[in-house]
Amino acid sequence: MAANAADITDPDSLELVENFQTILDADGLAFYPDWPAPGYYDVLVANVQELINGTKDPSDFLDSIAEPYETNRETIGR
C-alpha cells in the first residue's frame, strides 16, 4: 500500500495506494493496542482474508467484524 502511485498500472491497485496515501497524509493511522473484544485480531485477520479472496462481500464483512464488538460493548474500556 505504501507504493509509488506513478508505478502502478492497475486501476484498483492505484485507487488503494492513493487512498492509503490520503489517510497517511492526514495522519489518519494510529497504533491501537487494545482490541474491543477477546480474540478480535483473529476475527479481523480471518474476515479480511475472506474479503480479499472474494468469499465474503463487504456487507457481510462489516457484519462479521461488528458482531464481536457489539457483543463485548459493555466491557469496552474497563
PDB file of N, CA and C in Angstrom:
ATOM      1  N   MET A   1       0.808  -1.183   0.000  1.00  0.00           N
ATOM      2  CA  MET A   1       0.000   0.000   0.000  1.00  0.00           C
ATOM      3  C   MET A   1       0.854   1.251   0.000  1.00  0.00           C
ATOM      4  N   ALA A   2       2.046   1.156   0.549  1.00  0.00           N
ATOM      5  CA  ALA A   2       2.925   2.324   0.558  1.00  0.00           C
ATOM      6  C   ALA A   2       3.821   2.255  -0.674  1.00  0.00           C
ATOM      7  N   ALA A   3       3.198   2.322  -1.846  1.00  0.00           N
ATOM      8  CA  ALA A   3       3.929   2.229  -3.105  1.00  0.00           C
ATOM      9  C   ALA A   3       3.931   3.576  -3.811  1.00  0.00           C
ATOM     10  N   ASN A   4       4.739   3.665  -4.825  1.00  0.00           N
ATOM     11  CA  ASN A   4       4.783   4.866  -5.647  1.00  0.00           C
ATOM     12  C   ASN A   4       3.639   4.779  -6.649  1.00  0.00           C
ATOM     13  N   ALA A   5       2.660   5.654  -6.526  1.00  0.00           N
ATOM     14  CA  ALA A   5       1.472   5.620  -7.382  1.00  0.00           C
ATOM     15  C   ALA A   5       1.820   5.729  -8.866  1.00  0.00           C
ATOM     16  N   ALA A   6       2.902   6.396  -9.193  1.00  0.00           N
ATOM     17  CA  ALA A   6       3.290   6.561 -10.595  1.00  0.00           C
ATOM     18  C   ALA A   6       3.701   5.237 -11.238  1.00  0.00           C
ATOM     19  N   ASP A   7       4.053   4.240 -10.418  1.00  0.00           N
ATOM     20  CA  ASP A   7       4.486   2.946 -10.937  1.00  0.00           C
ATOM     21  C   ASP A   7       3.344   1.948 -11.108  1.00  0.00           C
ATOM     22  N   ILE A   8       2.149   2.313 -10.739  1.00  0.00           N
ATOM     23  CA  ILE A   8       1.027   1.371 -10.723  1.00  0.00           C
ATOM     24  C   ILE A   8       0.164   1.553 -11.966  1.00  0.00           C
ATOM     25  N   THR A   9      -0.126   0.428 -12.628  1.00  0.00           N
ATOM     26  CA  THR A   9      -0.945   0.484 -13.838  1.00  0.00           C
ATOM     27  C   THR A   9      -2.358  -0.062 -13.611  1.00  0.00           C
ATOM     28  N   ASP A  10      -2.539  -0.914 -12.626  1.00  0.00           N
ATOM     29  CA  ASP A  10      -3.861  -1.473 -12.331  1.00  0.00           C
ATOM     30  C   ASP A  10      -4.714  -0.418 -11.633  1.00  0.00           C
ATOM     31  N   PRO A  11      -5.896  -0.085 -12.163  1.00  0.00           N
ATOM     32  CA  PRO A  11      -6.710   0.988 -11.589  1.00  0.00           C
ATOM     33  C   PRO A  11      -7.167   0.722 -10.152  1.00  0.00           C
ATOM     34  N   ASP A  12      -7.499  -0.533  -9.829  1.00  0.00           N
ATOM     35  CA  ASP A  12      -7.925  -0.851  -8.462  1.00  0.00           C
ATOM     36  C   ASP A  12      -6.771  -0.686  -7.471  1.00  0.00           C
ATOM     37  N   SER A  13      -5.601  -1.167  -7.868  1.00  0.00           N
ATOM     38  CA  SER A  13      -4.429  -1.020  -7.004  1.00  0.00           C
ATOM     39  C   SER A  13      -4.049   0.444  -6.842  1.00  0.00           C
ATOM     40  N   LEU A  14      -4.168   1.197  -7.929  1.00  0.00           N
ATOM     41  CA  LEU A  14      -3.864   2.623  -7.868  1.00  0.00           C
ATOM     42  C   LEU A  14      -4.807   3.326  -6.890  1.00  0.00           C
ATOM     43  N   GLU A  15      -6.080   3.000  -6.952  1.00  0.00           N
ATOM     44  CA  GLU A  15      -7.046   3.597  -6.025  1.00  0.00           C
ATOM     45  C   GLU A  15      -6.694   3.260  -4.575  1.00  0.00           C
ATOM     46  N   LEU A  16      -6.317   2.006  -4.321  1.00  0.00           N
ATOM     47  CA  LEU A  16      -5.927   1.588  -2.975  1.00  0.00           C
ATOM     48  C   LEU A  16      -4.727   2.397  -2.475  1.00  0.00           C
ATOM     49  N   VAL A  17      -3.709   2.519  -3.310  1.00  0.00           N
ATOM     50  CA  VAL A  17      -2.493   3.241  -2.926  1.00  0.00           C
ATOM     51  C   VAL A  17      -2.789   4.724  -2.703  1.00  0.00           C
ATOM     52  N   GLU A  18      -3.586   5.308  -3.585  1.00  0.00           N
ATOM     53  CA  GLU A  18      -3.923   6.728  -3.423  1.00  0.00           C
ATOM     54  C   GLU A  18      -4.736   6.969  -2.158  1.00  0.00           C
ATOM     55  N   ASN A  19      -5.679   6.073  -1.867  1.00  0.00           N
ATOM     56  CA  ASN A  19      -6.472   6.212  -0.638  1.00  0.00           C
ATOM     57  C   ASN A  19      -5.603   6.044   0.611  1.00  0.00           C
ATOM     58  N   PHE A  20      -4.689   5.084   0.550  1.00  0.00           N
ATOM     59  CA  PHE A  20      -3.771   4.891   1.676  1.00  0.00           C
ATOM     60  C   PHE A  20      -2.931   6.151   1.885  1.00  0.00           C
ATOM     61  N   GLN A  21      -2.436   6.722   0.809  1.00  0.00           N
ATOM     62  CA  GLN A  21      -1.607   7.924   0.919  1.00  0.00           C
ATOM     63  C   GLN A  21      -2.410   9.092   1.489  1.00  0.00           C
ATOM     64  N   THR A  22      -3.671   9.204   1.093  1.00  0.00           N
ATOM     65  CA  THR A  22      -4.546  10.259   1.620  1.00  0.00           C
ATOM     66  C   THR A  22      -4.697  10.122   3.133  1.00  0.00           C
ATOM     67  N   ILE A  23      -4.928   8.899   3.589  1.00  0.00           N
ATOM     68  CA  ILE A  23      -5.055   8.649   5.033  1.00  0.00           C
ATOM     69  C   ILE A  23      -3.734   8.938   5.735  1.00  0.00           C
ATOM     70  N   LEU A  24      -2.655   8.501   5.140  1.00  0.00           N
ATOM     71  CA  LEU A  24      -1.331   8.725   5.727  1.00  0.00           C
ATOM     72  C   LEU A  24      -1.011  10.214   5.816  1.00  0.00           C
ATOM     73  N   ASP A  25      -1.317  10.969   4.749  1.00  0.00           N
ATOM     74  CA  ASP A  25      -1.055  12.416   4.732  1.00  0.00           C
ATOM     75  C   ASP A  25      -1.876  13.159   5.785  1.00  0.00           C
ATOM     76  N   ALA A  26      -3.055  12.635   6.100  1.00  0.00           N
ATOM     77  CA  ALA A  26      -3.928  13.276   7.095  1.00  0.00           C
ATOM     78  C   ALA A  26      -3.627  12.784   8.511  1.00  0.00           C
ATOM     79  N   ASP A  27      -2.515  12.047   8.651  1.00  0.00           N
ATOM     80  CA  ASP A  27      -2.139  11.473   9.951  1.00  0.00           C
ATOM     81  C   ASP A  27      -3.296  10.631  10.506  1.00  0.00           C
ATOM     82  N   GLY A  28      -3.915   9.853   9.622  1.00  0.00           N
ATOM     83  CA  GLY A  28      -5.093   9.079   9.990  1.00  0.00           C
ATOM     84  C   GLY A  28      -4.809   7.672  10.476  1.00  0.00           C
ATOM     85  N   LEU A  29      -3.560   7.296  10.594  1.00  0.00           N
ATOM     86  CA  LEU A  29      -3.221   5.970  11.105  1.00  0.00           C
ATOM     87  C   LEU A  29      -2.753   6.088  12.541  1.00  0.00           C
ATOM     88  N   ALA A  30      -3.133   5.107  13.330  1.00  0.00           N
ATOM     89  CA  ALA A  30      -2.738   5.137  14.733  1.00  0.00           C
ATOM     90  C   ALA A  30      -2.499   3.722  15.237  1.00  0.00           C
ATOM     91  N   PHE A  31      -1.669   3.599  16.228  1.00  0.00           N
ATOM     92  CA  PHE A  31      -1.440   2.323  16.903  1.00  0.00           C
ATOM     93  C   PHE A  31      -2.620   2.073  17.830  1.00  0.00           C
ATOM     94  N   TYR A  32      -3.234   0.913  17.702  1.00  0.00           N
ATOM     95  CA  TYR A  32      -4.411   0.602  18.516  1.00  0.00           C
ATOM     96  C   TYR A  32      -4.176  -0.729  19.228  1.00  0.00           C
ATOM     97  N   PRO A  33      -3.511  -0.700  20.373  1.00  0.00           N
ATOM     98  CA  PRO A  33      -3.125  -1.948  21.036  1.00  0.00           C
ATOM     99  C   PRO A  33      -4.236  -2.631  21.820  1.00  0.00           C
ATOM    100  N   ASP A  34      -5.341  -1.966  22.073  1.00  0.00           N
ATOM    101  CA  ASP A  34      -6.394  -2.512  22.912  1.00  0.00           C
ATOM    102  C   ASP A  34      -7.595  -2.892  22.056  1.00  0.00           C
ATOM    103  N   TRP A  35      -7.763  -4.166  21.799  1.00  0.00           N
ATOM    104  CA  TRP A  35      -8.851  -4.633  20.944  1.00  0.00           C
ATOM    105  C   TRP A  35     -10.159  -4.612  21.721  1.00  0.00           C
ATOM    106  N   PRO A  36     -11.273  -4.341  21.055  1.00  0.00           N
ATOM    107  CA  PRO A  36     -12.561  -4.199  21.729  1.00  0.00           C
ATOM    108  C   PRO A  36     -13.214  -5.512  22.150  1.00  0.00           C
ATOM    109  N   ALA A  37     -12.645  -6.633  21.748  1.00  0.00           N
ATOM    110  CA  ALA A  37     -13.230  -7.922  22.111  1.00  0.00           C
ATOM    111  C   ALA A  37     -12.125  -8.970  22.182  1.00  0.00           C
ATOM    112  N   PRO A  38     -12.284  -9.963  23.042  1.00  0.00           N
ATOM    113  CA  PRO A  38     -11.283 -11.034  23.108  1.00  0.00           C
ATOM    114  C   PRO A  38     -11.157 -11.726  21.750  1.00  0.00           C
ATOM    115  N   GLY A  39      -9.935 -11.910  21.285  1.00  0.00           N
ATOM    116  CA  GLY A  39      -9.696 -12.574  20.011  1.00  0.00           C
ATOM    117  C   GLY A  39     -10.053 -11.748  18.790  1.00  0.00           C
ATOM    118  N   TYR A  40     -10.224 -10.455  18.971  1.00  0.00           N
ATOM    119  CA  TYR A  40     -10.683  -9.610  17.866  1.00  0.00           C
ATOM    120  C   TYR A  40      -9.674  -9.549  16.718  1.00  0.00           C
ATOM    121  N   TYR A  41      -8.402  -9.624  17.038  1.00  0.00           N
ATOM    122  CA  TYR A  41      -7.393  -9.619  15.974  1.00  0.00           C
ATOM    123  C   TYR A  41      -7.619 -10.794  15.032  1.00  0.00           C
ATOM    124  N   ASP A  42      -7.899 -11.971  15.602  1.00  0.00           N
ATOM    125  CA  ASP A  42      -8.153 -13.149  14.776  1.00  0.00           C
ATOM    126  C   ASP A  42      -9.403 -12.974  13.924  1.00  0.00           C
ATOM    127  N   VAL A  43     -10.427 -12.326  14.493  1.00  0.00           N
ATOM    128  CA  VAL A  43     -11.655 -12.039  13.747  1.00  0.00           C
ATOM    129  C   VAL A  43     -11.323 -11.145  12.549  1.00  0.00           C
ATOM    130  N   LEU A  44     -10.541 -10.110  12.787  1.00  0.00           N
ATOM    131  CA  LEU A  44     -10.164  -9.195  11.701  1.00  0.00           C
ATOM    132  C   LEU A  44      -9.359  -9.910  10.615  1.00  0.00           C
ATOM    133  N   VAL A  45      -8.360 -10.667  11.031  1.00  0.00           N
ATOM    134  CA  VAL A  45      -7.491 -11.343  10.060  1.00  0.00           C
ATOM    135  C   VAL A  45      -8.308 -12.306   9.199  1.00  0.00           C
ATOM    136  N   ALA A  46      -9.142 -13.124   9.828  1.00  0.00           N
ATOM    137  CA  ALA A  46      -9.926 -14.117   9.085  1.00  0.00           C
ATOM    138  C   ALA A  46     -10.905 -13.444   8.122  1.00  0.00           C
ATOM    139  N   ASN A  47     -11.566 -12.418   8.595  1.00  0.00           N
ATOM    140  CA  ASN A  47     -12.574 -11.762   7.757  1.00  0.00           C
ATOM    141  C   ASN A  47     -11.963 -10.928   6.642  1.00  0.00           C
ATOM    142  N   VAL A  48     -10.838 -10.289   6.899  1.00  0.00           N
ATOM    143  CA  VAL A  48     -10.149  -9.551   5.826  1.00  0.00           C
ATOM    144  C   VAL A  48      -9.677 -10.529   4.752  1.00  0.00           C
ATOM    145  N   GLN A  49      -9.184 -11.688   5.175  1.00  0.00           N
ATOM    146  CA  GLN A  49      -8.744 -12.690   4.196  1.00  0.00           C
ATOM    147  C   GLN A  49      -9.911 -13.140   3.319  1.00  0.00           C
ATOM    148  N   GLU A  50     -11.079 -13.377   3.940  1.00  0.00           N
ATOM    149  CA  GLU A  50     -12.251 -13.773   3.166  1.00  0.00           C
ATOM    150  C   GLU A  50     -12.699 -12.659   2.215  1.00  0.00           C
ATOM    151  N   LEU A  51     -12.598 -11.426   2.672  1.00  0.00           N
ATOM    152  CA  LEU A  51     -12.951 -10.286   1.830  1.00  0.00           C
ATOM    153  C   LEU A  51     -12.022 -10.200   0.623  1.00  0.00           C
ATOM    154  N   ILE A  52     -10.733 -10.349   0.857  1.00  0.00           N
ATOM    155  CA  ILE A  52      -9.744 -10.302  -0.225  1.00  0.00           C
ATOM    156  C   ILE A  52      -9.940 -11.458  -1.199  1.00  0.00           C
ATOM    157  N   ASN A  53     -10.250 -12.638  -0.661  1.00  0.00           N
ATOM    158  CA  ASN A  53     -10.444 -13.821  -1.503  1.00  0.00           C
ATOM    159  C   ASN A  53     -11.742 -13.757  -2.303  1.00  0.00           C
ATOM    160  N   GLY A  54     -12.628 -12.849  -1.921  1.00  0.00           N
ATOM    161  CA  GLY A  54     -13.898 -12.737  -2.620  1.00  0.00           C
ATOM    162  C   GLY A  54     -14.947 -13.707  -2.118  1.00  0.00           C
ATOM    163  N   THR A  55     -14.669 -14.390  -0.998  1.00  0.00           N
ATOM    164  CA  THR A  55     -15.645 -15.328  -0.443  1.00  0.00           C
ATOM    165  C   THR A  55     -16.594 -14.650   0.543  1.00  0.00           C
ATOM    166  N   LYS A  56     -16.379 -13.389   0.781  1.00  0.00           N
ATOM    167  CA  LYS A  56     -17.262 -12.618   1.661  1.00  0.00           C
ATOM    168  C   LYS A  56     -17.450 -11.247   1.036  1.00  0.00           C
ATOM    169  N   ASP A  57     -18.709 -10.795   0.974  1.00  0.00           N
ATOM    170  CA  ASP A  57     -18.943  -9.467   0.404  1.00  0.00           C
ATOM    171  C   ASP A  57     -18.782  -8.405   1.495  1.00  0.00           C
ATOM    172  N   PRO A  58     -18.583  -7.152   1.115  1.00  0.00           N
ATOM    173  CA  PRO A  58     -18.312  -6.090   2.084  1.00  0.00           C
ATOM    174  C   PRO A  58     -19.364  -5.953   3.182  1.00  0.00           C
ATOM    175  N   SER A  59     -20.618  -6.136   2.852  1.00  0.00           N
ATOM    176  CA  SER A  59     -21.673  -6.025   3.860  1.00  0.00           C
ATOM    177  C   SER A  59     -21.546  -7.124   4.915  1.00  0.00           C
ATOM    178  N   ASP A  60     -21.307  -8.358   4.452  1.00  0.00           N
ATOM    179  CA  ASP A  60     -21.109  -9.466   5.397  1.00  0.00           C
ATOM    180  C   ASP A  60     -19.843  -9.264   6.221  1.00  0.00           C
ATOM    181  N   PHE A  61     -18.808  -8.719   5.585  1.00  0.00           N
ATOM    182  CA  PHE A  61     -17.565  -8.425   6.304  1.00  0.00           C
ATOM    183  C   PHE A  61     -17.834  -7.475   7.467  1.00  0.00           C
ATOM    184  N   LEU A  62     -18.544  -6.395   7.177  1.00  0.00           N
ATOM    185  CA  LEU A  62     -18.844  -5.412   8.226  1.00  0.00           C
ATOM    186  C   LEU A  62     -19.676  -6.034   9.345  1.00  0.00           C
ATOM    187  N   ASP A  63     -20.648  -6.860   8.973  1.00  0.00           N
ATOM    188  CA  ASP A  63     -21.454  -7.544   9.995  1.00  0.00           C
ATOM    189  C   ASP A  63     -20.591  -8.460  10.848  1.00  0.00           C
ATOM    190  N   SER A  64     -19.668  -9.165  10.203  1.00  0.00           N
ATOM    191  CA  SER A  64     -18.812 -10.123  10.915  1.00  0.00           C
ATOM    192  C   SER A  64     -17.880  -9.452  11.912  1.00  0.00           C
ATOM    193  N   ILE A  65     -17.356  -8.287  11.552  1.00  0.00           N
ATOM    194  CA  ILE A  65     -16.449  -7.628  12.495  1.00  0.00           C
ATOM    195  C   ILE A  65     -17.206  -6.802  13.524  1.00  0.00           C
ATOM    196  N   ALA A  66     -18.466  -6.467  13.221  1.00  0.00           N
ATOM    197  CA  ALA A  66     -19.277  -5.707  14.177  1.00  0.00           C
ATOM    198  C   ALA A  66     -19.813  -6.588  15.294  1.00  0.00           C
ATOM    199  N   GLU A  67     -20.105  -7.836  14.978  1.00  0.00           N
ATOM    200  CA  GLU A  67     -20.731  -8.716  15.964  1.00  0.00           C
ATOM    201  C   GLU A  67     -19.922  -8.856  17.261  1.00  0.00           C
ATOM    202  N   PRO A  68     -18.617  -9.167  17.209  1.00  0.00           N
ATOM    203  CA  PRO A  68     -17.866  -9.277  18.463  1.00  0.00           C
ATOM    204  C   PRO A  68     -17.793  -7.947  19.218  1.00  0.00           C
ATOM    205  N   TYR A  69     -17.723  -6.860  18.463  1.00  0.00           N
ATOM    206  CA  TYR A  69     -17.699  -5.538  19.092  1.00  0.00           C
ATOM    207  C   TYR A  69     -19.002  -5.299  19.858  1.00  0.00           C
ATOM    208  N   GLU A  70     -20.121  -5.542  19.178  1.00  0.00           N
ATOM    209  CA  GLU A  70     -21.420  -5.322  19.811  1.00  0.00           C
ATOM    210  C   GLU A  70     -21.614  -6.259  21.009  1.00  0.00           C
ATOM    211  N   THR A  71     -21.172  -7.495  20.876  1.00  0.00           N
ATOM    212  CA  THR A  71     -21.313  -8.469  21.945  1.00  0.00           C
ATOM    213  C   THR A  71     -20.533  -8.049  23.187  1.00  0.00           C
ATOM    214  N   ASN A  72     -19.371  -7.435  22.996  1.00  0.00           N
ATOM    215  CA  ASN A  72     -18.495  -7.049  24.116  1.00  0.00           C
ATOM    216  C   ASN A  72     -18.553  -5.564  24.445  1.00  0.00           C
ATOM    217  N   ARG A  73     -19.498  -4.874  23.870  1.00  0.00           N
ATOM    218  CA  ARG A  73     -19.590  -3.411  24.008  1.00  0.00           C
ATOM    219  C   ARG A  73     -19.621  -2.956  25.462  1.00  0.00           C
ATOM    220  N   GLU A  74     -20.330  -3.670  26.302  1.00  0.00           N
ATOM    221  CA  GLU A  74     -20.472  -3.255  27.700  1.00  0.00           C
ATOM    222  C   GLU A  74     -19.152  -3.341  28.471  1.00  0.00           C
ATOM    223  N   THR A  75     -18.246  -4.191  28.029  1.00  0.00           N
ATOM    224  CA  THR A  75     -16.983  -4.355  28.747  1.00  0.00           C
ATOM    225  C   THR A  75     -15.868  -3.486  28.200  1.00  0.00           C
ATOM    226  N   ILE A  76     -16.114  -2.789  27.085  1.00  0.00           N
ATOM    227  CA  ILE A  76     -15.067  -1.954  26.477  1.00  0.00           C
ATOM    228  C   ILE A  76     -14.728  -0.790  27.428  1.00  0.00           C
ATOM    229  N   GLY A  77     -13.430  -0.616  27.616  1.00  0.00           N
ATOM    230  CA  GLY A  77     -12.974   0.496  28.446  1.00  0.00           C
ATOM    231  C   GLY A  77     -12.873   0.169  29.928  1.00  0.00           C
ATOM    232  N   ARG A  78     -13.108  -1.069  30.272  1.00  0.00           N
ATOM    233  CA  ARG A  78     -12.983  -1.450  31.687  1.00  0.00           C
ATOM    234  C   ARG A  78     -11.613  -1.941  32.004  1.00  0.00           C
TER     235      ARG A  78
END
